[in-house]
Amino acid sequence: MQRLLSSQKVLPYLLILPASLFLAAFFFVPFVQVVLEAFTSDEGFTLAHFRTMADDWKFMPALSNTLGLALVVVPIQITLALVMASLVTRLRRGRDVVLYVFTIPLGISDLAAGLIWFALLEQNGFLNSILYGLGVIPGPQNLLDYRNTAGLFVAVVVAEVWRATAIVLVIVVAGLGLIPKEYDEAAEVFGAGPLKRFFLIMLPLLRPSLQTALILRTILAFEVFAVVAVLAGNNLPVLMGETYSWQFDLQDHKVASAYAIVILAISLAFTVFFLWALRDRTREAAA
């Protein structure tokens, strides 16, 4: 009996051991190395690498572009995912097929998504060919002109929305599946319209799912790189792109680590904000 109890106590730790080792090897150890690279030099502790990063002329554009992309892309993705999830859950037939079609971009990598949209938007791409064939434009238009920063920004937004909305959709659909249908039916009986039921019943009950989706997508939005690299190159600086540039092009690992720390700090700040803003206030009221 004692052996059985001891094995039952040890078993959970044995089950999580592989995951713990994986996190230690591929997250904790690299994280410690990045922190040491960012805050140390031959003389010891220093903030010189952060000063070098801040003095770089690309830092502020990269920071503003990254924040701008996150603030534009994430709300669009949340809104689209809510609309698409509402449509999917109301379907009586073909629901699985529609959901499968909506989630196809999940199987496409960032780089592949960038290449797809580059093939669509480049001067000799599919979009120009279709518009020219229909007589809408007199000739091929350079939609990805390096001088048109706003156009490049819009192109990245469209590609990111197409590529990553499916992640939010899956989370929202799962959240809707956990909400008892009796709530919606009861509200309908008492005369609540579709919009009222959605905003006053569904959205509050979706708070945990929306919290998860917002945190996940915001963190990934700050790490956008491949799509920007394909569609805009160096003409639309972003924080992750500058991290790559300092690490591999300029071979300055310490400044690249400083960029990584900044990305981590911003991601943590937004995570804490979402955890606070979307916390369960019913428990606080009861207390």
Protein backbone atom coordinates (compact mmCIF):
# COMPACT_ATOMS: atom_id res chain seq x y z
CA MET A 1 0.00 0.00 0.00
CA GLN A 2 2.79 2.40 0.89
CA ARG A 3 4.50 1.66 -2.40
CA LEU A 4 1.26 2.34 -4.26
CA LEU A 5 0.73 5.64 -2.46
CA SER A 6 4.31 6.70 -3.02
CA SER A 7 4.07 5.83 -6.71
CA GLN A 8 0.83 7.83 -6.99
CA LYS A 9 2.56 10.82 -5.41
CA VAL A 10 5.56 10.53 -7.71
CA LEU A 11 3.62 9.80 -10.90
CA PRO A 12 2.37 13.39 -11.52
CA TYR A 13 5.92 14.70 -11.24
CA LEU A 14 7.17 12.03 -13.62
CA LEU A 15 4.47 12.97 -16.13
CA ILE A 16 5.39 16.67 -16.13
CA LEU A 17 9.12 15.99 -16.08
CA PRO A 18 9.55 15.85 -19.92
CA ALA A 19 7.66 19.14 -20.36
CA SER A 20 9.66 20.72 -17.53
CA LEU A 21 12.95 19.62 -19.08
CA PHE A 22 11.81 20.92 -22.46
CA LEU A 23 10.92 24.34 -21.00
CA ALA A 24 14.17 24.49 -19.07
CA ALA A 25 16.28 23.63 -22.11
CA PHE A 26 14.49 25.74 -24.72
CA PHE A 27 13.05 28.63 -22.69
CA PHE A 28 14.62 29.18 -19.28
CA VAL A 29 18.27 28.67 -20.28
CA PRO A 30 18.03 30.87 -23.44
CA PHE A 31 16.11 33.48 -21.42
CA VAL A 32 18.90 33.66 -18.83
CA GLN A 33 21.48 33.93 -21.62
CA VAL A 34 19.56 36.78 -23.28
CA VAL A 35 19.28 38.66 -19.98
CA LEU A 36 23.00 38.28 -19.33
CA GLU A 37 23.84 39.40 -22.87
CA ALA A 38 21.59 42.46 -22.59
CA PHE A 39 22.68 43.69 -19.16
CA THR A 40 26.36 42.76 -18.95
CA SER A 41 29.65 43.69 -20.57
CA ASP A 42 33.31 43.03 -19.83
CA GLU A 43 33.10 45.58 -17.00
CA GLY A 44 29.97 44.04 -15.45
CA PHE A 45 26.41 45.37 -15.31
CA THR A 46 25.61 47.96 -17.98
CA LEU A 47 22.76 49.63 -19.84
CA ALA A 48 24.99 50.60 -22.76
CA HIS A 49 23.36 48.07 -25.09
CA PHE A 50 19.94 49.61 -24.46
CA ARG A 51 21.39 53.08 -25.15
CA THR A 52 22.84 51.79 -28.42
CA MET A 53 19.45 50.36 -29.30
CA ALA A 54 17.62 53.59 -28.41
CA ASP A 55 20.10 55.72 -30.38
CA ASP A 56 19.60 53.65 -33.52
CA TRP A 57 17.46 55.61 -35.98
CA LYS A 58 15.37 52.53 -36.75
CA PHE A 59 14.34 51.90 -33.14
CA MET A 60 11.47 54.41 -32.87
CA PRO A 61 10.01 53.56 -36.31
CA ALA A 62 10.26 49.85 -35.45
CA LEU A 63 8.57 50.42 -32.08
CA SER A 64 5.78 52.57 -33.54
CA ASN A 65 5.19 50.17 -36.47
CA THR A 66 5.03 47.15 -34.16
CA LEU A 67 2.63 48.84 -31.75
CA GLY A 68 0.57 50.15 -34.68
CA LEU A 69 0.28 46.70 -36.23
CA ALA A 70 -0.77 45.17 -32.92
CA LEU A 71 -3.34 47.89 -32.20
CA VAL A 72 -4.85 47.55 -35.69
CA VAL A 73 -4.58 43.82 -36.36
CA VAL A 74 -5.70 42.39 -33.00
CA PRO A 75 -9.06 44.28 -32.75
CA ILE A 76 -9.87 43.39 -36.37
CA GLN A 77 -9.10 39.74 -35.70
CA ILE A 78 -11.19 39.65 -32.51
CA THR A 79 -14.14 41.28 -34.28
CA LEU A 80 -13.94 39.00 -37.31
CA ALA A 81 -13.53 35.92 -35.13
CA LEU A 82 -16.63 36.83 -33.10
CA VAL A 83 -18.69 37.33 -36.26
CA MET A 84 -17.41 34.14 -37.90
CA ALA A 85 -17.88 32.11 -34.71
CA SER A 86 -21.46 33.36 -34.35
CA LEU A 87 -22.19 32.31 -37.94
CA VAL A 88 -20.57 28.91 -37.49
CA THR A 89 -22.39 28.08 -34.25
CA ARG A 90 -25.76 28.97 -35.78
CA LEU A 91 -25.32 26.67 -38.77
CA ARG A 92 -27.35 23.48 -38.66
CA ARG A 93 -25.71 21.82 -41.64
CA GLY A 94 -22.20 22.03 -42.99
CA ARG A 95 -20.81 23.53 -39.79
CA ASP A 96 -17.70 21.36 -39.78
CA VAL A 97 -16.98 22.13 -43.44
CA VAL A 98 -17.32 25.89 -42.95
CA LEU A 99 -15.14 25.79 -39.83
CA TYR A 100 -12.54 23.75 -41.71
CA VAL A 101 -12.45 26.31 -44.54
CA PHE A 102 -12.14 29.20 -42.07
CA THR A 103 -9.21 27.52 -40.30
CA ILE A 104 -7.18 26.59 -43.40
CA PRO A 105 -4.68 29.44 -42.77
CA LEU A 106 -3.73 27.72 -39.49
CA GLY A 107 -1.79 25.17 -41.52
CA ILE A 108 0.22 27.84 -43.35
CA SER A 109 3.46 29.19 -41.92
CA ASP A 110 4.17 32.91 -41.56
CA LEU A 111 6.67 32.84 -44.41
CA ALA A 112 4.32 30.95 -46.72
CA ALA A 113 1.50 33.40 -45.95
CA GLY A 114 3.80 36.30 -46.80
CA LEU A 115 4.77 34.66 -50.09
CA ILE A 116 1.10 34.05 -50.96
CA TRP A 117 0.20 37.69 -50.43
CA PHE A 118 3.34 38.83 -52.23
CA ALA A 119 2.23 36.78 -55.24
CA LEU A 120 -1.16 38.50 -55.02
CA LEU A 121 0.01 42.07 -54.54
CA GLU A 122 3.25 42.42 -56.48
CA GLN A 123 3.33 44.46 -59.69
CA ASN A 124 2.91 41.38 -61.89
CA GLY A 125 0.79 39.51 -59.37
CA PHE A 126 -2.68 38.02 -59.54
CA LEU A 127 -4.53 41.11 -58.26
CA ASN A 128 -2.99 43.40 -60.88
CA SER A 129 -3.65 40.83 -63.59
CA ILE A 130 -7.32 40.49 -62.63
CA LEU A 131 -7.90 44.25 -62.32
CA TYR A 132 -6.11 44.90 -65.61
CA GLY A 133 -8.07 42.14 -67.35
CA LEU A 134 -11.34 43.68 -66.13
CA GLY A 135 -10.26 47.11 -67.32
CA VAL A 136 -10.29 48.61 -63.81
CA ILE A 137 -6.68 49.82 -64.05
CA PRO A 138 -4.76 51.00 -67.15
CA GLY A 139 -1.72 48.93 -66.29
CA PRO A 140 0.08 47.07 -63.50
CA GLN A 141 0.31 49.09 -60.28
CA ASN A 142 3.17 48.78 -57.81
CA LEU A 143 1.14 48.13 -54.67
CA LEU A 144 4.27 47.32 -52.64
CA ASP A 145 6.23 50.44 -53.53
CA TYR A 146 8.99 51.05 -50.97
CA ARG A 147 8.11 54.76 -50.96
CA ASN A 148 4.53 54.04 -49.91
CA THR A 149 4.89 53.13 -46.23
CA ALA A 150 1.14 53.34 -45.64
CA GLY A 151 0.51 50.87 -48.47
CA LEU A 152 3.07 48.45 -47.06
CA PHE A 153 1.47 48.77 -43.62
CA VAL A 154 -1.98 47.99 -45.04
CA ALA A 155 -0.60 45.01 -46.98
CA VAL A 156 0.93 43.54 -43.80
CA VAL A 157 -2.31 44.15 -41.88
CA VAL A 158 -4.37 42.33 -44.54
CA ALA A 159 -1.93 39.41 -44.65
CA GLU A 160 -1.81 39.11 -40.84
CA VAL A 161 -5.58 39.28 -40.51
CA TRP A 162 -5.99 36.56 -43.14
CA ARG A 163 -3.26 34.40 -41.62
CA ALA A 164 -3.97 34.52 -37.90
CA THR A 165 -7.69 35.23 -37.41
CA ALA A 166 -8.26 31.47 -37.49
CA ILE A 167 -6.38 31.11 -34.17
CA VAL A 168 -8.80 33.50 -32.47
CA LEU A 169 -11.74 31.81 -34.21
CA VAL A 170 -10.88 28.38 -32.80
CA ILE A 171 -10.59 29.81 -29.27
CA VAL A 172 -13.91 31.70 -29.56
CA VAL A 173 -15.76 28.71 -31.04
CA ALA A 174 -14.50 26.56 -28.17
CA GLY A 175 -15.67 29.21 -25.71
CA LEU A 176 -19.12 29.41 -27.31
CA GLY A 177 -19.40 25.63 -27.08
CA LEU A 178 -19.02 25.84 -23.29
CA ILE A 179 -21.91 28.31 -22.89
CA PRO A 180 -25.21 26.54 -22.10
CA LYS A 181 -27.80 27.17 -24.80
CA GLU A 182 -30.45 27.68 -22.11
CA TYR A 183 -29.09 31.19 -21.41
CA ASP A 184 -29.66 32.31 -24.98
CA GLU A 185 -33.03 30.58 -25.22
CA ALA A 186 -34.23 32.13 -21.95
CA ALA A 187 -33.20 35.62 -23.07
CA GLU A 188 -35.00 35.09 -26.37
CA VAL A 189 -38.16 34.05 -24.53
CA PHE A 190 -38.05 37.26 -22.51
CA GLY A 191 -37.87 39.30 -25.72
CA ALA A 192 -34.14 40.05 -26.06
CA GLY A 193 -33.05 40.57 -29.65
CA PRO A 194 -29.99 38.96 -31.27
CA LEU A 195 -27.70 41.96 -30.63
CA LYS A 196 -28.85 42.32 -27.04
CA ARG A 197 -28.32 38.61 -26.38
CA PHE A 198 -24.88 38.79 -27.95
CA PHE A 199 -23.60 41.81 -26.03
CA LEU A 200 -25.29 41.16 -22.68
CA ILE A 201 -25.06 37.36 -22.48
CA MET A 202 -22.54 35.88 -24.89
CA LEU A 203 -19.74 38.44 -24.56
CA PRO A 204 -19.63 38.40 -20.73
CA LEU A 205 -19.62 34.60 -20.73
CA LEU A 206 -16.87 34.62 -23.36
CA ARG A 207 -14.56 36.68 -21.14
CA PRO A 208 -12.11 33.81 -20.37
CA SER A 209 -11.86 32.85 -24.04
CA LEU A 210 -11.43 36.48 -25.14
CA GLN A 211 -8.77 36.96 -22.48
CA THR A 212 -6.81 33.99 -23.80
CA ALA A 213 -7.24 35.08 -27.43
CA LEU A 214 -6.18 38.67 -26.72
CA ILE A 215 -3.08 37.65 -24.81
CA LEU A 216 -2.01 35.08 -27.40
CA ARG A 217 -2.60 37.27 -30.43
CA THR A 218 -1.05 40.38 -28.88
CA ILE A 219 2.13 38.52 -27.97
CA LEU A 220 2.32 37.04 -31.47
CA ALA A 221 1.59 40.45 -33.02
CA PHE A 222 4.68 41.89 -31.29
CA GLU A 223 6.70 39.02 -32.79
CA VAL A 224 5.58 39.59 -36.38
CA PHE A 225 8.54 39.16 -38.70
CA ALA A 226 8.25 36.81 -41.70
CA VAL A 227 5.19 38.47 -43.28
CA VAL A 228 6.80 41.92 -42.93
CA ALA A 229 10.12 40.65 -44.29
CA VAL A 230 8.45 39.26 -47.44
CA LEU A 231 6.03 42.10 -48.17
CA ALA A 232 8.00 45.14 -47.00
CA GLY A 233 11.59 44.07 -46.36
CA ASN A 234 13.50 46.78 -44.50
CA ASN A 235 11.08 49.47 -45.65
CA LEU A 236 8.76 48.80 -42.70
CA PRO A 237 10.96 48.27 -39.62
CA VAL A 238 9.52 46.18 -36.78
CA LEU A 239 11.08 45.16 -33.48
CA MET A 240 11.55 41.52 -34.37
CA GLY A 241 13.07 42.44 -37.71
CA GLU A 242 15.57 44.72 -35.98
CA THR A 243 16.39 41.96 -33.52
CA TYR A 244 17.19 39.66 -36.44
CA SER A 245 19.22 42.37 -38.14
CA TRP A 246 21.39 43.09 -35.09
CA GLN A 247 21.83 39.38 -34.37
CA PHE A 248 22.76 38.10 -37.82
CA ASP A 249 23.55 41.06 -40.10
CA LEU A 250 25.43 43.29 -37.66
CA GLN A 251 26.62 40.40 -35.45
CA ASP A 252 25.92 42.37 -32.27
CA HIS A 253 24.32 39.81 -29.97
CA LYS A 254 24.10 42.16 -27.01
CA VAL A 255 22.00 44.83 -28.75
CA ALA A 256 19.85 42.07 -30.27
CA SER A 257 19.30 40.77 -26.73
CA ALA A 258 18.28 44.28 -25.66
CA TYR A 259 15.67 44.29 -28.42
CA ALA A 260 14.42 40.89 -27.22
CA ILE A 261 14.08 42.20 -23.66
CA VAL A 262 12.05 45.18 -24.92
CA ILE A 263 9.70 42.87 -26.85
CA LEU A 264 9.32 40.68 -23.75
CA ALA A 265 8.63 43.69 -21.51
CA ILE A 266 5.93 45.05 -23.84
CA SER A 267 4.32 41.62 -24.14
CA LEU A 268 4.29 41.18 -20.36
CA ALA A 269 2.80 44.65 -19.89
CA PHE A 270 -0.07 43.93 -22.27
CA THR A 271 -0.59 40.47 -20.73
CA VAL A 272 -0.93 41.96 -17.24
CA PHE A 273 -3.30 44.61 -18.60
CA PHE A 274 -5.59 42.02 -20.24
CA LEU A 275 -5.54 39.86 -17.11
CA TRP A 276 -6.61 42.89 -15.08
CA ALA A 277 -9.14 44.32 -17.54
CA LEU A 278 -10.88 40.99 -18.22
CA ARG A 279 -10.69 39.54 -14.71
CA ASP A 280 -13.75 37.95 -13.12
CA ARG A 281 -15.32 40.79 -11.11
CA THR A 282 -18.16 38.66 -9.74
CA ARG A 283 -15.86 37.10 -7.16
CA GLU A 284 -14.63 40.54 -6.10
CA ALA A 285 -18.22 41.73 -5.67
CA ALA A 286 -19.10 38.64 -3.64
CA ALA A 287 -16.08 39.16 -1.39
